[in-house]
Amino acid sequence: MFHSQITAKELELLATNKCSGMQTHVYLALRSFTWKSNSCFPSISKISELLGNAYNRTSIHKALKALQDAGLIEIGSRTSKSRFILLARKIAYAAKQAVKECFQTDTSKSTTGNKKRTRKENYKKYNYKK
């Protein structure tokens, strides 16, 4: 059993490229290895093991090739630490950063209008009797 989070943008990219269930399973397996980066380096046998040995090595290779052709992953050399680069995750992260920058507020502006009054100031303003 493994845990993998996927963003809505990644799911949208998988759907628009009409990825099969097996391709989606392989993508999720790769995604479970990425942690905080966009790349991972599991072996094909490790991916197969993670998927409960439901798919053989040839099928996993075909799914990886289809994901690469769809532009969702990039495949590097076998011995590289970035053997699989998840381009869909890069796209999703870039979209998230763009939205964050659009809604970022300028904290350097003065906020004197939103100043909280102290109890003493309230007494003075509303003329409370003690």
C-alpha atoms as a PDB file:
ATOM      1  CA  MET A   1       0.000   0.000   0.000  1.00  0.00           C
ATOM      2  CA  PHE A   2       1.323   3.425  -0.870  1.00  0.00           C
ATOM      3  CA  HIS A   3       0.209   7.003  -0.460  1.00  0.00           C
ATOM      4  CA  SER A   4       0.358   9.539  -3.258  1.00  0.00           C
ATOM      5  CA  GLN A   5      -1.134  13.014  -3.538  1.00  0.00           C
ATOM      6  CA  ILE A   6      -2.008  14.429  -6.913  1.00  0.00           C
ATOM      7  CA  THR A   7      -3.067  17.967  -7.755  1.00  0.00           C
ATOM      8  CA  ALA A   8      -6.158  18.849  -9.735  1.00  0.00           C
ATOM      9  CA  LYS A   9      -3.941  20.203 -12.519  1.00  0.00           C
ATOM     10  CA  GLU A  10      -2.062  16.891 -12.789  1.00  0.00           C
ATOM     11  CA  LEU A  11      -5.349  15.016 -12.882  1.00  0.00           C
ATOM     12  CA  GLU A  12      -6.593  17.376 -15.598  1.00  0.00           C
ATOM     13  CA  LEU A  13      -3.438  16.760 -17.654  1.00  0.00           C
ATOM     14  CA  LEU A  14      -3.851  12.992 -17.324  1.00  0.00           C
ATOM     15  CA  ALA A  15      -7.488  13.259 -18.416  1.00  0.00           C
ATOM     16  CA  THR A  16      -6.914  15.610 -21.353  1.00  0.00           C
ATOM     17  CA  ASN A  17      -4.183  13.319 -22.679  1.00  0.00           C
ATOM     18  CA  LYS A  18      -6.633  10.409 -22.364  1.00  0.00           C
ATOM     19  CA  CYS A  19      -4.239   8.315 -20.301  1.00  0.00           C
ATOM     20  CA  SER A  20      -5.375   4.768 -19.621  1.00  0.00           C
ATOM     21  CA  GLY A  21      -5.888   3.383 -16.145  1.00  0.00           C
ATOM     22  CA  MET A  22      -2.566   1.610 -16.254  1.00  0.00           C
ATOM     23  CA  GLN A  23      -0.742   4.784 -17.315  1.00  0.00           C
ATOM     24  CA  THR A  24      -2.432   6.639 -14.469  1.00  0.00           C
ATOM     25  CA  HIS A  25      -1.400   3.888 -12.018  1.00  0.00           C
ATOM     26  CA  VAL A  26       2.210   4.106 -13.195  1.00  0.00           C
ATOM     27  CA  TYR A  27       2.128   7.919 -12.924  1.00  0.00           C
ATOM     28  CA  LEU A  28       0.762   7.672  -9.369  1.00  0.00           C
ATOM     29  CA  ALA A  29       3.458   5.146  -8.496  1.00  0.00           C
ATOM     30  CA  LEU A  30       6.111   7.566  -9.761  1.00  0.00           C
ATOM     31  CA  ARG A  31       4.407  10.394  -7.890  1.00  0.00           C
ATOM     32  CA  SER A  32       4.677   8.448  -4.635  1.00  0.00           C
ATOM     33  CA  PHE A  33       8.475   8.473  -4.989  1.00  0.00           C
ATOM     34  CA  THR A  34       8.869  12.219  -5.660  1.00  0.00           C
ATOM     35  CA  TRP A  35       8.416  13.652  -2.149  1.00  0.00           C
ATOM     36  CA  LYS A  36       9.465  17.324  -2.459  1.00  0.00           C
ATOM     37  CA  SER A  37      11.099  17.244  -5.892  1.00  0.00           C
ATOM     38  CA  ASN A  38       9.885  16.712  -9.435  1.00  0.00           C
ATOM     39  CA  SER A  39      12.132  13.736 -10.077  1.00  0.00           C
ATOM     40  CA  CYS A  40      12.538  10.186  -8.806  1.00  0.00           C
ATOM     41  CA  PHE A  41      14.578   7.096  -9.629  1.00  0.00           C
ATOM     42  CA  PRO A  42      12.689   3.852  -8.840  1.00  0.00           C
ATOM     43  CA  SER A  43      13.497   0.701 -10.786  1.00  0.00           C
ATOM     44  CA  ILE A  44      10.887  -0.899 -13.029  1.00  0.00           C
ATOM     45  CA  SER A  45      10.703  -3.875 -10.649  1.00  0.00           C
ATOM     46  CA  LYS A  46      10.083  -1.490  -7.715  1.00  0.00           C
ATOM     47  CA  ILE A  47       7.226   0.184  -9.646  1.00  0.00           C
ATOM     48  CA  SER A  48       5.784  -3.258 -10.429  1.00  0.00           C
ATOM     49  CA  GLU A  49       6.104  -4.297  -6.784  1.00  0.00           C
ATOM     50  CA  LEU A  50       4.414  -1.086  -5.664  1.00  0.00           C
ATOM     51  CA  LEU A  51       1.501  -1.824  -7.997  1.00  0.00           C
ATOM     52  CA  GLY A  52       1.094  -5.287  -6.472  1.00  0.00           C
ATOM     53  CA  ASN A  53       2.795  -7.053  -9.409  1.00  0.00           C
ATOM     54  CA  ALA A  54      -0.417  -6.526 -11.397  1.00  0.00           C
ATOM     55  CA  TYR A  55       1.560  -5.412 -14.469  1.00  0.00           C
ATOM     56  CA  ASN A  56       4.640  -6.989 -16.025  1.00  0.00           C
ATOM     57  CA  ARG A  57       7.812  -5.085 -16.917  1.00  0.00           C
ATOM     58  CA  THR A  58       6.920  -4.766 -20.608  1.00  0.00           C
ATOM     59  CA  SER A  59       3.550  -3.200 -19.800  1.00  0.00           C
ATOM     60  CA  ILE A  60       5.182  -0.735 -17.416  1.00  0.00           C
ATOM     61  CA  HIS A  61       7.736   0.217 -20.087  1.00  0.00           C
ATOM     62  CA  LYS A  62       4.878   0.817 -22.564  1.00  0.00           C
ATOM     63  CA  ALA A  63       3.012   2.959 -20.020  1.00  0.00           C
ATOM     64  CA  LEU A  64       6.161   5.001 -19.321  1.00  0.00           C
ATOM     65  CA  LYS A  65       6.706   5.503 -23.063  1.00  0.00           C
ATOM     66  CA  ALA A  66       3.069   6.636 -23.493  1.00  0.00           C
ATOM     67  CA  LEU A  67       3.439   9.093 -20.578  1.00  0.00           C
ATOM     68  CA  GLN A  68       6.627  10.425 -22.157  1.00  0.00           C
ATOM     69  CA  ASP A  69       4.946  10.796 -25.555  1.00  0.00           C
ATOM     70  CA  ALA A  70       2.089  12.697 -23.880  1.00  0.00           C
ATOM     71  CA  GLY A  71       4.632  15.105 -22.363  1.00  0.00           C
ATOM     72  CA  LEU A  72       3.785  14.203 -18.757  1.00  0.00           C
ATOM     73  CA  ILE A  73       7.158  12.710 -17.833  1.00  0.00           C
ATOM     74  CA  GLU A  74      10.721  12.837 -19.089  1.00  0.00           C
ATOM     75  CA  ILE A  75      12.849   9.708 -18.910  1.00  0.00           C
ATOM     76  CA  GLY A  76      16.564  10.050 -18.151  1.00  0.00           C
ATOM     77  CA  SER A  77      19.313   7.466 -17.885  1.00  0.00           C
ATOM     78  CA  ARG A  78      18.922   4.418 -15.670  1.00  0.00           C
ATOM     79  CA  THR A  79      21.661   5.420 -13.254  1.00  0.00           C
ATOM     80  CA  SER A  80      20.608   9.048 -12.875  1.00  0.00           C
ATOM     81  CA  LYS A  81      19.061  10.416  -9.680  1.00  0.00           C
ATOM     82  CA  SER A  82      16.486  12.091 -11.917  1.00  0.00           C
ATOM     83  CA  ARG A  83      15.581   9.014 -13.949  1.00  0.00           C
ATOM     84  CA  PHE A  84      11.953  10.112 -14.190  1.00  0.00           C
ATOM     85  CA  ILE A  85      11.087  13.820 -14.219  1.00  0.00           C
ATOM     86  CA  LEU A  86       7.403  14.535 -13.708  1.00  0.00           C
ATOM     87  CA  LEU A  87       6.705  17.403 -16.083  1.00  0.00           C
ATOM     88  CA  ALA A  88       3.007  17.460 -15.124  1.00  0.00           C
ATOM     89  CA  ARG A  89       4.013  18.196 -11.534  1.00  0.00           C
ATOM     90  CA  LYS A  90       6.294  21.010 -12.720  1.00  0.00           C
ATOM     91  CA  ILE A  91       3.386  22.503 -14.682  1.00  0.00           C
ATOM     92  CA  ALA A  92       1.034  22.187 -11.705  1.00  0.00           C
ATOM     93  CA  TYR A  93       3.583  23.793  -9.358  1.00  0.00           C
ATOM     94  CA  ALA A  94       4.194  26.665 -11.791  1.00  0.00           C
ATOM     95  CA  ALA A  95       0.443  27.295 -12.014  1.00  0.00           C
ATOM     96  CA  LYS A  96       0.177  27.293  -8.218  1.00  0.00           C
ATOM     97  CA  GLN A  97       3.025  29.813  -7.917  1.00  0.00           C
ATOM     98  CA  ALA A  98       1.436  32.080 -10.547  1.00  0.00           C
ATOM     99  CA  VAL A  99      -1.862  32.124  -8.662  1.00  0.00           C
ATOM    100  CA  LYS A 100      -0.036  32.802  -5.397  1.00  0.00           C
ATOM    101  CA  GLU A 101       1.781  35.781  -6.919  1.00  0.00           C
ATOM    102  CA  CYS A 102      -1.467  37.222  -8.317  1.00  0.00           C
ATOM    103  CA  PHE A 103      -3.147  37.249  -4.925  1.00  0.00           C
ATOM    104  CA  GLN A 104      -0.147  38.258  -2.860  1.00  0.00           C
ATOM    105  CA  THR A 105      -0.866  41.444  -0.908  1.00  0.00           C
ATOM    106  CA  ASP A 106       1.590  44.235  -0.300  1.00  0.00           C
ATOM    107  CA  THR A 107       2.363  44.193   3.419  1.00  0.00           C
ATOM    108  CA  SER A 108       4.357  47.412   3.330  1.00  0.00           C
ATOM    109  CA  LYS A 109       1.227  49.588   3.162  1.00  0.00           C
ATOM    110  CA  SER A 110       0.074  51.332   6.297  1.00  0.00           C
ATOM    111  CA  THR A 111      -2.855  49.780   8.138  1.00  0.00           C
ATOM    112  CA  THR A 112      -3.741  52.656  10.472  1.00  0.00           C
ATOM    113  CA  GLY A 113      -7.440  52.379   9.597  1.00  0.00           C
ATOM    114  CA  ASN A 114      -7.573  48.858  10.987  1.00  0.00           C
ATOM    115  CA  LYS A 115      -5.826  49.719  14.246  1.00  0.00           C
ATOM    116  CA  LYS A 116      -7.313  48.117  17.338  1.00  0.00           C
ATOM    117  CA  ARG A 117      -8.195  50.497  20.134  1.00  0.00           C
ATOM    118  CA  THR A 118      -7.106  49.911  23.656  1.00  0.00           C
ATOM    119  CA  ARG A 119      -9.607  49.763  26.486  1.00  0.00           C
ATOM    120  CA  LYS A 120      -8.524  53.219  27.642  1.00  0.00           C
ATOM    121  CA  GLU A 121      -9.159  54.717  24.186  1.00  0.00           C
ATOM    122  CA  ASN A 122     -12.625  53.159  24.101  1.00  0.00           C
ATOM    123  CA  TYR A 123     -13.443  54.695  27.481  1.00  0.00           C
ATOM    124  CA  LYS A 124     -12.374  58.103  26.217  1.00  0.00           C
ATOM    125  CA  LYS A 125     -14.241  57.808  22.918  1.00  0.00           C
ATOM    126  CA  TYR A 126     -17.559  56.582  24.302  1.00  0.00           C
ATOM    127  CA  ASN A 127     -17.371  58.455  27.638  1.00  0.00           C
ATOM    128  CA  TYR A 128     -17.956  55.399  29.795  1.00  0.00           C
ATOM    129  CA  LYS A 129     -18.482  56.104  33.455  1.00  0.00           C
ATOM    130  CA  LYS A 130     -16.451  54.173  35.955  1.00  0.00           C
END
